[in-house]
N, C-alpha and C. Protein backbone atom coordinates (compact mmCIF):
# COMPACT_ATOMS: atom_id res chain seq x y z
N MET A 1 0.87 -1.07 0.03
CA MET A 1 0.06 -0.05 0.05
C MET A 1 0.92 1.21 0.00
N LYS A 2 0.52 2.19 -0.74
CA LYS A 2 1.39 3.38 -0.97
C LYS A 2 1.10 4.39 0.19
N GLN A 3 2.17 4.96 0.77
CA GLN A 3 1.95 5.84 2.02
C GLN A 3 2.10 7.23 1.53
N LEU A 4 1.27 8.13 2.06
CA LEU A 4 1.36 9.59 1.50
C LEU A 4 2.28 10.35 2.51
N ARG A 5 2.91 11.19 2.01
CA ARG A 5 3.79 12.09 2.85
C ARG A 5 2.77 13.29 3.24
N VAL A 6 3.23 13.82 4.45
CA VAL A 6 2.49 15.00 4.96
C VAL A 6 2.85 16.18 4.25
N GLY A 7 1.90 17.19 3.83
CA GLY A 7 2.21 18.40 3.24
C GLY A 7 1.98 18.26 1.65
N GLY A 8 2.90 18.51 0.93
CA GLY A 8 2.68 18.55 -0.60
C GLY A 8 2.63 17.17 -1.18
N GLY A 9 3.06 16.17 -0.49
CA GLY A 9 2.90 14.82 -1.05
C GLY A 9 1.51 14.26 -1.22
N ALA A 10 0.62 14.79 -0.32
CA ALA A 10 -0.76 14.30 -0.67
C ALA A 10 -1.37 14.72 -1.87
N ALA A 11 -0.85 15.90 -2.41
CA ALA A 11 -1.46 16.21 -3.68
C ALA A 11 -0.79 15.52 -4.79
N CYS A 12 0.55 15.19 -4.62
CA CYS A 12 1.40 14.27 -5.62
C CYS A 12 0.51 12.92 -5.71
N ALA A 13 0.23 12.40 -4.53
CA ALA A 13 -0.34 10.99 -4.44
C ALA A 13 -1.69 10.91 -5.05
N ILE A 14 -2.49 12.01 -4.78
CA ILE A 14 -3.86 12.19 -5.33
C ILE A 14 -3.81 12.22 -6.97
N LEU A 15 -2.90 13.08 -7.45
CA LEU A 15 -2.71 13.05 -8.92
C LEU A 15 -2.32 11.80 -9.51
N SER A 16 -1.20 11.19 -8.98
CA SER A 16 -0.82 9.84 -9.52
C SER A 16 -1.80 8.61 -9.35
N ALA A 17 -2.52 8.79 -8.22
CA ALA A 17 -3.42 7.71 -8.10
C ALA A 17 -4.73 7.80 -9.03
N MET A 18 -4.99 9.21 -9.25
CA MET A 18 -6.08 9.38 -10.12
C MET A 18 -5.92 9.17 -11.55
N ASN A 19 -4.65 9.47 -11.98
CA ASN A 19 -4.13 9.31 -13.42
C ASN A 19 -3.59 8.13 -13.79
N ASP A 20 -3.30 7.10 -12.93
CA ASP A 20 -2.58 5.83 -13.23
C ASP A 20 -3.81 4.74 -13.23
N PRO A 21 -4.17 4.19 -14.43
CA PRO A 21 -5.14 3.44 -14.51
C PRO A 21 -4.97 2.03 -13.82
N VAL A 22 -3.69 1.76 -13.56
CA VAL A 22 -3.26 0.62 -12.96
C VAL A 22 -2.80 0.79 -11.44
N ALA A 23 -3.15 2.01 -10.96
CA ALA A 23 -2.59 2.16 -9.58
C ALA A 23 -3.44 1.37 -8.58
N ASP A 24 -2.80 1.20 -7.44
CA ASP A 24 -3.42 0.48 -6.36
C ASP A 24 -4.61 1.39 -6.04
N PRO A 25 -5.91 0.50 -5.91
CA PRO A 25 -7.07 1.28 -5.43
C PRO A 25 -6.86 1.79 -3.96
N ASP A 26 -6.06 1.21 -3.18
CA ASP A 26 -5.89 1.70 -1.85
C ASP A 26 -5.20 3.00 -1.94
N ALA A 27 -4.53 3.23 -2.88
CA ALA A 27 -3.75 4.57 -3.01
C ALA A 27 -4.78 5.68 -3.23
N ALA A 28 -5.69 5.39 -4.12
CA ALA A 28 -6.70 6.34 -4.33
C ALA A 28 -7.64 6.62 -3.13
N GLU A 29 -7.92 5.55 -2.36
CA GLU A 29 -8.57 5.82 -1.11
C GLU A 29 -7.55 6.48 -0.21
N LEU A 30 -6.43 6.27 -0.11
CA LEU A 30 -5.60 7.02 0.87
C LEU A 30 -5.53 8.51 0.43
N ALA A 31 -5.69 8.69 -0.86
CA ALA A 31 -5.53 10.04 -1.44
C ALA A 31 -6.87 10.82 -1.06
N PHE A 32 -8.12 10.10 -1.13
CA PHE A 32 -9.43 10.70 -0.70
C PHE A 32 -9.25 11.10 0.87
N LEU A 33 -8.71 10.08 1.66
CA LEU A 33 -8.64 10.23 3.10
C LEU A 33 -7.70 11.62 3.36
N ALA A 34 -6.71 11.69 2.67
CA ALA A 34 -5.72 12.90 2.67
C ALA A 34 -6.52 14.03 2.36
N VAL A 35 -7.24 14.21 1.48
CA VAL A 35 -8.06 15.41 0.98
C VAL A 35 -9.13 15.63 2.20
N GLU A 36 -9.81 14.68 2.79
CA GLU A 36 -10.59 14.88 3.60
C GLU A 36 -10.13 15.40 4.95
N ARG A 37 -8.86 14.82 5.27
CA ARG A 37 -8.18 15.31 6.47
C ARG A 37 -7.68 16.80 6.27
N GLU A 38 -7.33 17.16 5.13
CA GLU A 38 -6.80 18.61 5.04
C GLU A 38 -7.90 19.55 4.84
N VAL A 39 -8.99 19.06 4.29
CA VAL A 39 -10.25 20.06 4.23
C VAL A 39 -10.73 20.14 5.62
N ALA A 40 -10.80 19.14 6.46
CA ALA A 40 -11.22 19.34 7.88
C ALA A 40 -10.38 20.33 8.58
N THR A 41 -9.09 20.12 8.34
CA THR A 41 -8.11 21.06 8.98
C THR A 41 -8.47 22.51 8.47
N LEU A 42 -8.68 22.68 7.22
CA LEU A 42 -8.81 23.99 6.74
C LEU A 42 -10.08 24.58 7.30
N PHE A 43 -11.27 23.90 7.40
CA PHE A 43 -12.43 24.21 7.97
C PHE A 43 -12.32 24.58 9.42
N ARG A 44 -11.64 23.73 10.24
CA ARG A 44 -11.54 24.05 11.59
C ARG A 44 -10.71 25.19 11.89
N ARG A 45 -9.65 25.52 11.18
CA ARG A 45 -8.84 26.71 11.32
C ARG A 45 -9.70 27.89 10.74
N SER A 46 -10.50 27.68 9.84
CA SER A 46 -11.31 28.73 9.28
C SER A 46 -12.21 29.38 10.40
N ARG A 47 -12.96 28.33 11.00
CA ARG A 47 -13.90 28.56 12.08
C ARG A 47 -13.23 29.35 13.31
N ALA A 48 -12.10 28.77 13.54
CA ALA A 48 -11.36 29.43 14.63
C ALA A 48 -10.96 30.75 14.46
N ARG A 49 -10.62 31.05 13.10
CA ARG A 49 -10.18 32.49 12.93
C ARG A 49 -11.44 33.57 12.44
N ALA A 50 -12.61 32.87 12.35
CA ALA A 50 -13.78 33.77 11.93
C ALA A 50 -13.97 34.78 12.97
N ALA A 51 -14.01 34.58 14.09
CA ALA A 51 -14.46 35.56 15.16
C ALA A 51 -13.21 36.60 15.18
N GLU A 52 -12.11 36.20 15.04
CA GLU A 52 -10.90 37.11 15.07
C GLU A 52 -10.99 38.06 13.87
N VAL A 53 -11.20 37.63 12.74
CA VAL A 53 -11.48 38.42 11.56
C VAL A 53 -12.71 39.29 11.72
N SER A 54 -13.71 38.84 12.04
CA SER A 54 -14.84 39.72 12.37
C SER A 54 -14.61 40.80 13.47
N ARG A 55 -13.89 40.51 14.31
CA ARG A 55 -13.59 41.52 15.53
C ARG A 55 -12.60 42.58 14.77
N LEU A 56 -11.90 42.31 13.75
CA LEU A 56 -11.09 43.18 13.18
C LEU A 56 -11.94 44.39 12.55
N VAL A 57 -13.09 43.95 12.00
CA VAL A 57 -14.09 44.80 11.44
C VAL A 57 -14.67 45.62 12.63
N HIS A 58 -15.20 44.99 13.71
CA HIS A 58 -15.80 45.61 14.79
C HIS A 58 -15.77 44.75 15.87
N PRO A 59 -15.35 45.21 17.21
CA PRO A 59 -15.15 44.24 18.32
C PRO A 59 -16.46 43.59 18.70
N GLU A 60 -17.70 44.06 18.30
CA GLU A 60 -18.97 43.39 18.62
C GLU A 60 -19.73 42.51 17.65
N LEU A 61 -18.90 42.39 16.54
CA LEU A 61 -19.40 41.67 15.38
C LEU A 61 -19.33 40.26 15.62
N GLU A 62 -20.53 39.51 15.28
CA GLU A 62 -20.45 38.02 15.43
C GLU A 62 -19.48 37.33 14.53
N ALA A 63 -19.08 36.03 14.79
CA ALA A 63 -17.98 35.39 14.29
C ALA A 63 -18.28 35.24 12.61
N GLY A 64 -19.43 34.91 12.18
CA GLY A 64 -19.69 34.61 10.79
C GLY A 64 -19.93 35.88 10.00
N ALA A 65 -19.93 37.13 10.77
CA ALA A 65 -20.36 38.30 10.07
C ALA A 65 -19.46 38.74 8.80
N TYR A 66 -18.15 38.42 9.07
CA TYR A 66 -17.23 38.82 8.03
C TYR A 66 -17.48 38.26 6.55
N VAL A 67 -17.90 37.07 6.48
CA VAL A 67 -18.23 36.35 5.15
C VAL A 67 -19.41 37.05 4.65
N LEU A 68 -20.37 37.31 5.46
CA LEU A 68 -21.61 38.17 5.15
C LEU A 68 -21.32 39.46 4.60
N LEU A 69 -20.63 40.23 5.33
CA LEU A 69 -20.20 41.49 4.86
C LEU A 69 -19.36 41.44 3.44
N SER A 70 -18.58 40.45 3.19
CA SER A 70 -17.88 40.25 2.03
C SER A 70 -18.81 40.04 0.93
N PHE A 71 -19.87 39.18 1.15
CA PHE A 71 -20.82 39.01 0.21
C PHE A 71 -21.50 40.17 -0.22
N ILE A 72 -21.92 40.91 0.58
CA ILE A 72 -22.60 42.12 0.50
C ILE A 72 -21.78 43.18 -0.35
N ARG A 73 -20.53 43.26 0.22
CA ARG A 73 -19.55 44.17 -0.44
C ARG A 73 -19.44 43.84 -1.88
N GLU A 74 -19.04 42.64 -2.29
CA GLU A 74 -18.88 42.08 -3.70
C GLU A 74 -20.27 42.37 -4.48
N SER A 75 -21.36 42.30 -3.91
CA SER A 75 -22.70 42.52 -4.45
C SER A 75 -22.99 44.00 -4.83
N GLY A 76 -22.33 44.75 -3.98
CA GLY A 76 -22.75 46.33 -3.94
C GLY A 76 -24.00 46.48 -3.17
N ARG A 77 -25.11 46.00 -3.58
CA ARG A 77 -26.38 45.99 -2.85
C ARG A 77 -26.95 44.66 -2.91
N ALA A 78 -27.39 44.13 -1.85
CA ALA A 78 -28.01 42.70 -1.82
C ALA A 78 -29.36 42.71 -1.16
N ARG A 79 -30.18 41.89 -1.71
CA ARG A 79 -31.45 41.61 -1.13
C ARG A 79 -31.22 40.59 -0.05
N VAL A 80 -31.96 40.86 1.02
CA VAL A 80 -31.85 39.98 2.28
C VAL A 80 -32.19 38.65 1.87
N THR A 81 -33.18 38.33 1.15
CA THR A 81 -33.55 36.89 0.72
C THR A 81 -32.41 36.32 -0.09
N ASP A 82 -31.72 37.13 -0.90
CA ASP A 82 -30.70 36.51 -1.85
C ASP A 82 -29.37 36.20 -0.76
N ILE A 83 -29.20 36.93 0.04
CA ILE A 83 -28.07 36.59 1.11
C ILE A 83 -28.43 35.22 1.77
N GLY A 84 -29.69 35.16 2.11
CA GLY A 84 -30.15 33.88 2.84
C GLY A 84 -29.81 32.54 1.84
N LEU A 85 -30.40 33.05 0.66
CA LEU A 85 -30.11 31.87 -0.42
C LEU A 85 -28.69 31.47 -0.66
N HIS A 86 -27.72 32.48 -0.64
CA HIS A 86 -26.45 32.31 -0.93
C HIS A 86 -25.73 31.41 0.13
N PHE A 87 -26.18 31.81 1.52
CA PHE A 87 -25.55 31.01 2.49
C PHE A 87 -26.19 29.81 3.02
N GLY A 88 -27.30 29.70 2.43
CA GLY A 88 -28.20 28.47 2.87
C GLY A 88 -28.89 28.49 4.04
N VAL A 89 -29.23 29.74 4.56
CA VAL A 89 -29.95 30.00 5.70
C VAL A 89 -31.38 30.78 5.63
N GLY A 90 -32.11 30.65 6.60
CA GLY A 90 -33.46 31.20 6.35
C GLY A 90 -33.47 32.69 6.44
N LYS A 91 -34.64 33.30 6.09
CA LYS A 91 -34.71 34.83 6.02
C LYS A 91 -34.62 35.22 7.49
N ALA A 92 -35.29 34.68 8.40
CA ALA A 92 -35.13 35.09 9.88
C ALA A 92 -33.81 35.11 10.49
N THR A 93 -33.09 34.15 10.12
CA THR A 93 -31.63 34.05 10.51
C THR A 93 -30.71 35.16 9.95
N VAL A 94 -30.89 35.51 8.74
CA VAL A 94 -30.29 36.52 7.96
C VAL A 94 -30.79 37.96 8.37
N SER A 95 -32.00 38.03 8.59
CA SER A 95 -32.62 39.33 9.06
C SER A 95 -32.01 39.62 10.49
N ARG A 96 -31.86 38.82 11.35
CA ARG A 96 -31.37 38.91 12.63
C ARG A 96 -29.76 39.35 12.67
N GLN A 97 -29.08 38.76 11.67
CA GLN A 97 -27.72 39.02 11.46
C GLN A 97 -27.51 40.39 10.76
N ILE A 98 -28.33 40.71 9.74
CA ILE A 98 -28.30 42.01 9.20
C ILE A 98 -28.71 42.99 10.25
N ARG A 99 -29.67 42.89 10.94
CA ARG A 99 -30.09 43.87 12.03
C ARG A 99 -28.89 44.25 13.08
N ALA A 100 -28.34 43.29 13.45
CA ALA A 100 -27.26 43.38 14.38
C ALA A 100 -26.06 44.21 13.79
N ILE A 101 -25.84 43.89 12.51
CA ILE A 101 -24.77 44.62 11.79
C ILE A 101 -25.14 46.03 11.59
N GLU A 102 -26.44 46.22 11.24
CA GLU A 102 -26.99 47.49 10.98
C GLU A 102 -26.87 48.29 12.26
N GLU A 103 -27.18 47.72 13.36
CA GLU A 103 -27.12 48.65 14.64
C GLU A 103 -25.63 48.97 15.00
N LEU A 104 -24.68 48.29 14.41
CA LEU A 104 -23.26 48.60 14.69
C LEU A 104 -22.89 49.86 13.61
N GLY A 105 -23.68 50.09 12.73
CA GLY A 105 -23.41 51.18 11.77
C GLY A 105 -22.68 50.79 10.53
N LEU A 106 -22.65 49.46 10.40
CA LEU A 106 -21.84 48.96 9.20
C LEU A 106 -22.58 48.70 7.99
N LEU A 107 -23.94 48.55 8.06
CA LEU A 107 -24.85 48.28 6.95
C LEU A 107 -25.92 49.42 7.04
N CYS A 108 -26.45 49.61 5.83
CA CYS A 108 -27.74 50.47 5.75
C CYS A 108 -28.66 49.70 4.90
N ARG A 109 -29.89 49.88 5.16
CA ARG A 109 -31.13 49.14 4.49
C ARG A 109 -31.92 50.33 3.59
N GLU A 110 -32.33 49.72 2.43
CA GLU A 110 -33.19 50.59 1.70
C GLU A 110 -34.30 49.73 1.15
N THR A 111 -35.31 50.35 0.58
CA THR A 111 -36.28 49.69 -0.04
C THR A 111 -35.82 49.17 -1.46
N ASP A 112 -36.13 48.02 -1.87
CA ASP A 112 -35.77 47.67 -3.43
C ASP A 112 -36.76 48.32 -4.25
N PRO A 113 -36.12 49.17 -5.22
CA PRO A 113 -37.04 49.84 -6.07
C PRO A 113 -37.82 48.74 -7.11
N LEU A 114 -37.39 47.76 -7.24
CA LEU A 114 -37.96 46.79 -7.96
C LEU A 114 -39.21 45.99 -7.39
N ASP A 115 -39.02 45.85 -6.09
CA ASP A 115 -40.05 45.25 -5.27
C ASP A 115 -40.14 45.81 -3.85
N ARG A 116 -41.12 46.67 -3.69
CA ARG A 116 -41.12 47.67 -2.49
C ARG A 116 -41.35 46.81 -1.20
N ARG A 117 -41.46 45.50 -1.29
CA ARG A 117 -41.70 44.72 -0.18
C ARG A 117 -40.52 44.05 0.21
N ALA A 118 -39.42 44.11 -0.55
CA ALA A 118 -38.04 43.68 -0.19
C ALA A 118 -36.97 44.73 0.16
N SER A 119 -36.06 44.33 0.95
CA SER A 119 -35.05 45.40 1.37
C SER A 119 -33.74 45.00 0.60
N LEU A 120 -32.83 46.03 0.36
CA LEU A 120 -31.55 45.83 -0.07
C LEU A 120 -30.63 46.44 1.02
N VAL A 121 -29.47 45.62 1.20
CA VAL A 121 -28.45 46.38 2.14
C VAL A 121 -27.27 46.53 1.59
N SER A 122 -26.43 47.48 2.05
CA SER A 122 -25.17 47.65 1.59
C SER A 122 -24.38 48.30 2.60
N LEU A 123 -23.01 48.16 2.40
CA LEU A 123 -22.08 48.75 3.52
C LEU A 123 -22.22 50.21 3.56
N THR A 124 -22.21 50.83 4.78
CA THR A 124 -21.96 52.21 4.94
C THR A 124 -20.65 52.67 4.63
N GLU A 125 -20.27 54.02 4.73
CA GLU A 125 -18.95 54.36 4.56
C GLU A 125 -18.13 53.66 5.52
N GLU A 126 -18.47 53.83 6.88
CA GLU A 126 -17.91 53.36 7.96
C GLU A 126 -17.71 51.73 7.91
N GLY A 127 -18.60 51.02 7.35
CA GLY A 127 -18.70 49.63 7.21
C GLY A 127 -17.50 49.26 6.15
N GLU A 128 -17.58 50.01 5.03
CA GLU A 128 -16.62 49.80 3.83
C GLU A 128 -15.15 50.12 4.54
N ARG A 129 -14.94 51.19 5.21
CA ARG A 129 -13.73 51.48 5.78
C ARG A 129 -13.13 50.43 6.63
N ARG A 130 -14.04 49.88 7.46
CA ARG A 130 -13.67 48.99 8.42
C ARG A 130 -13.38 47.53 7.82
N PHE A 131 -14.24 47.26 6.85
CA PHE A 131 -14.07 46.12 6.13
C PHE A 131 -12.73 45.93 5.31
N ALA A 132 -12.57 47.09 4.70
CA ALA A 132 -11.27 47.17 3.96
C ALA A 132 -10.03 47.05 4.80
N ALA A 133 -10.09 47.61 5.96
CA ALA A 133 -8.82 47.44 6.90
C ALA A 133 -8.73 45.90 7.35
N ALA A 134 -9.93 45.41 7.54
CA ALA A 134 -9.82 43.91 8.14
C ALA A 134 -9.38 43.06 7.09
N ARG A 135 -9.75 43.43 5.82
CA ARG A 135 -9.42 42.48 4.66
C ARG A 135 -7.90 42.76 4.44
N GLU A 136 -7.47 43.96 4.61
CA GLU A 136 -6.02 44.09 4.36
C GLU A 136 -5.11 43.20 5.16
N VAL A 137 -5.61 43.18 6.59
CA VAL A 137 -4.90 42.48 7.62
C VAL A 137 -5.08 41.02 7.21
N ARG A 138 -6.15 40.66 6.83
CA ARG A 138 -6.26 39.06 6.43
C ARG A 138 -5.42 38.67 5.15
N MET A 139 -5.38 39.72 4.19
CA MET A 139 -4.65 39.45 2.96
C MET A 139 -3.25 39.46 3.33
N ALA A 140 -2.62 40.34 4.16
CA ALA A 140 -1.22 40.35 4.66
C ALA A 140 -0.86 38.92 5.16
N ARG A 141 -1.68 38.41 6.03
CA ARG A 141 -1.53 37.06 6.35
C ARG A 141 -1.41 35.98 5.42
N PHE A 142 -2.40 36.09 4.44
CA PHE A 142 -2.35 35.15 3.43
C PHE A 142 -0.94 35.20 2.68
N ARG A 143 -0.63 36.52 2.42
CA ARG A 143 0.70 36.76 1.61
C ARG A 143 1.90 36.23 2.37
N ALA A 144 1.85 36.47 3.72
CA ALA A 144 2.90 36.16 4.56
C ALA A 144 3.08 34.50 4.50
N SER A 145 1.89 33.77 4.69
CA SER A 145 1.82 32.32 4.77
C SER A 145 2.25 31.67 3.44
N LEU A 146 1.86 32.43 2.31
CA LEU A 146 2.24 31.71 1.02
C LEU A 146 3.29 32.56 0.24
N ALA A 147 3.96 33.25 0.88
CA ALA A 147 5.13 33.93 0.40
C ALA A 147 6.14 33.19 -0.46
N ALA A 148 6.47 31.96 0.15
CA ALA A 148 7.35 31.05 -0.65
C ALA A 148 6.83 30.26 -1.81
N TRP A 149 5.61 30.45 -2.08
CA TRP A 149 5.03 29.75 -3.27
C TRP A 149 5.28 30.60 -4.36
N GLU A 150 5.47 29.87 -5.59
CA GLU A 150 5.78 30.39 -6.97
C GLU A 150 4.29 30.93 -7.30
N LEU A 151 4.29 31.93 -8.27
CA LEU A 151 3.09 32.46 -8.72
C LEU A 151 2.30 31.51 -9.39
N THR A 152 2.75 30.55 -10.14
CA THR A 152 2.03 29.40 -10.84
C THR A 152 1.53 28.51 -9.90
N GLU A 153 2.10 28.23 -8.67
CA GLU A 153 1.57 27.52 -7.63
C GLU A 153 0.28 28.16 -7.17
N LEU A 154 0.45 29.32 -6.84
CA LEU A 154 -0.82 30.21 -6.26
C LEU A 154 -1.86 30.14 -7.20
N GLU A 155 -1.68 30.41 -8.62
CA GLU A 155 -2.62 30.24 -9.52
C GLU A 155 -3.30 28.85 -9.55
N GLN A 156 -2.42 27.92 -9.48
CA GLN A 156 -3.01 26.64 -9.63
C GLN A 156 -3.98 26.29 -8.46
N PHE A 157 -3.46 26.68 -7.19
CA PHE A 157 -4.12 26.63 -5.95
C PHE A 157 -5.44 27.12 -5.97
N ALA A 158 -5.66 28.38 -6.51
CA ALA A 158 -6.75 29.17 -6.64
C ALA A 158 -7.70 28.38 -7.64
N ARG A 159 -7.27 28.02 -8.70
CA ARG A 159 -8.05 27.26 -9.73
C ARG A 159 -8.65 25.87 -9.03
N LEU A 160 -7.68 25.21 -8.27
CA LEU A 160 -8.33 23.86 -7.78
C LEU A 160 -9.32 24.18 -6.53
N LEU A 161 -8.98 25.27 -6.00
CA LEU A 161 -10.03 25.54 -4.83
C LEU A 161 -11.31 25.91 -5.41
N GLU A 162 -11.23 26.77 -6.42
CA GLU A 162 -12.40 27.12 -7.21
C GLU A 162 -13.24 25.87 -7.72
N ARG A 163 -12.63 24.82 -8.27
CA ARG A 163 -13.08 23.85 -8.83
C ARG A 163 -13.74 23.03 -7.67
N PHE A 164 -12.98 22.84 -6.67
CA PHE A 164 -13.44 22.10 -5.42
C PHE A 164 -14.81 22.66 -4.98
N ASN A 165 -14.73 24.07 -4.86
CA ASN A 165 -16.03 24.76 -4.30
C ASN A 165 -17.08 24.56 -5.22
N GLU A 166 -16.87 24.63 -6.56
CA GLU A 166 -18.05 24.32 -7.55
C GLU A 166 -18.52 22.82 -7.31
N LEU A 167 -17.62 21.90 -7.24
CA LEU A 167 -18.06 20.60 -7.23
C LEU A 167 -18.91 20.17 -5.87
N THR A 168 -18.45 20.91 -4.79
CA THR A 168 -19.04 20.50 -3.45
C THR A 168 -20.20 21.46 -3.11
N GLU A 169 -20.58 22.39 -4.10
CA GLU A 169 -21.63 23.33 -3.67
C GLU A 169 -22.88 22.72 -3.17
N GLY A 170 -23.35 21.76 -3.72
CA GLY A 170 -24.57 21.17 -3.29
C GLY A 170 -24.42 20.10 -2.21
N VAL A 171 -23.18 19.67 -1.80
CA VAL A 171 -22.87 18.57 -0.95
C VAL A 171 -22.99 18.98 0.53
């Protein structure tokens, strides 16, 4: 049975196991286990840092609010129902989170001109300023962590993560 090395070896083992038609089936299983382990580690670390990153925006911000603000910022203005659909949560949950962020002065709400029953939310100037500052700190950490990587490795990693996210969207 093929053993996987820790770190970059897992990716190499996955590629060779998947591309070699006569590869040991155990090697493919080991590769899937390595992916599962590394994704679990990534998610665990992400959850652990979520509160920290949110507090960079505002000390009273909930742990998951940074990603919500990021989605709203990328959208420009977003309907509350669209935010809920994007994150797979109900309107009541999103409305509660939006209201809390709004009370901190980071979001503003307006009536949707296309549907007067719906609301659009966007970042306030203060929300934009704080979000941009927090994102810069976060990006500086990414840059420091990945500084030794070649540009081609970063591009490949981004493509593979995008592909992984697309494939696992409904899972």
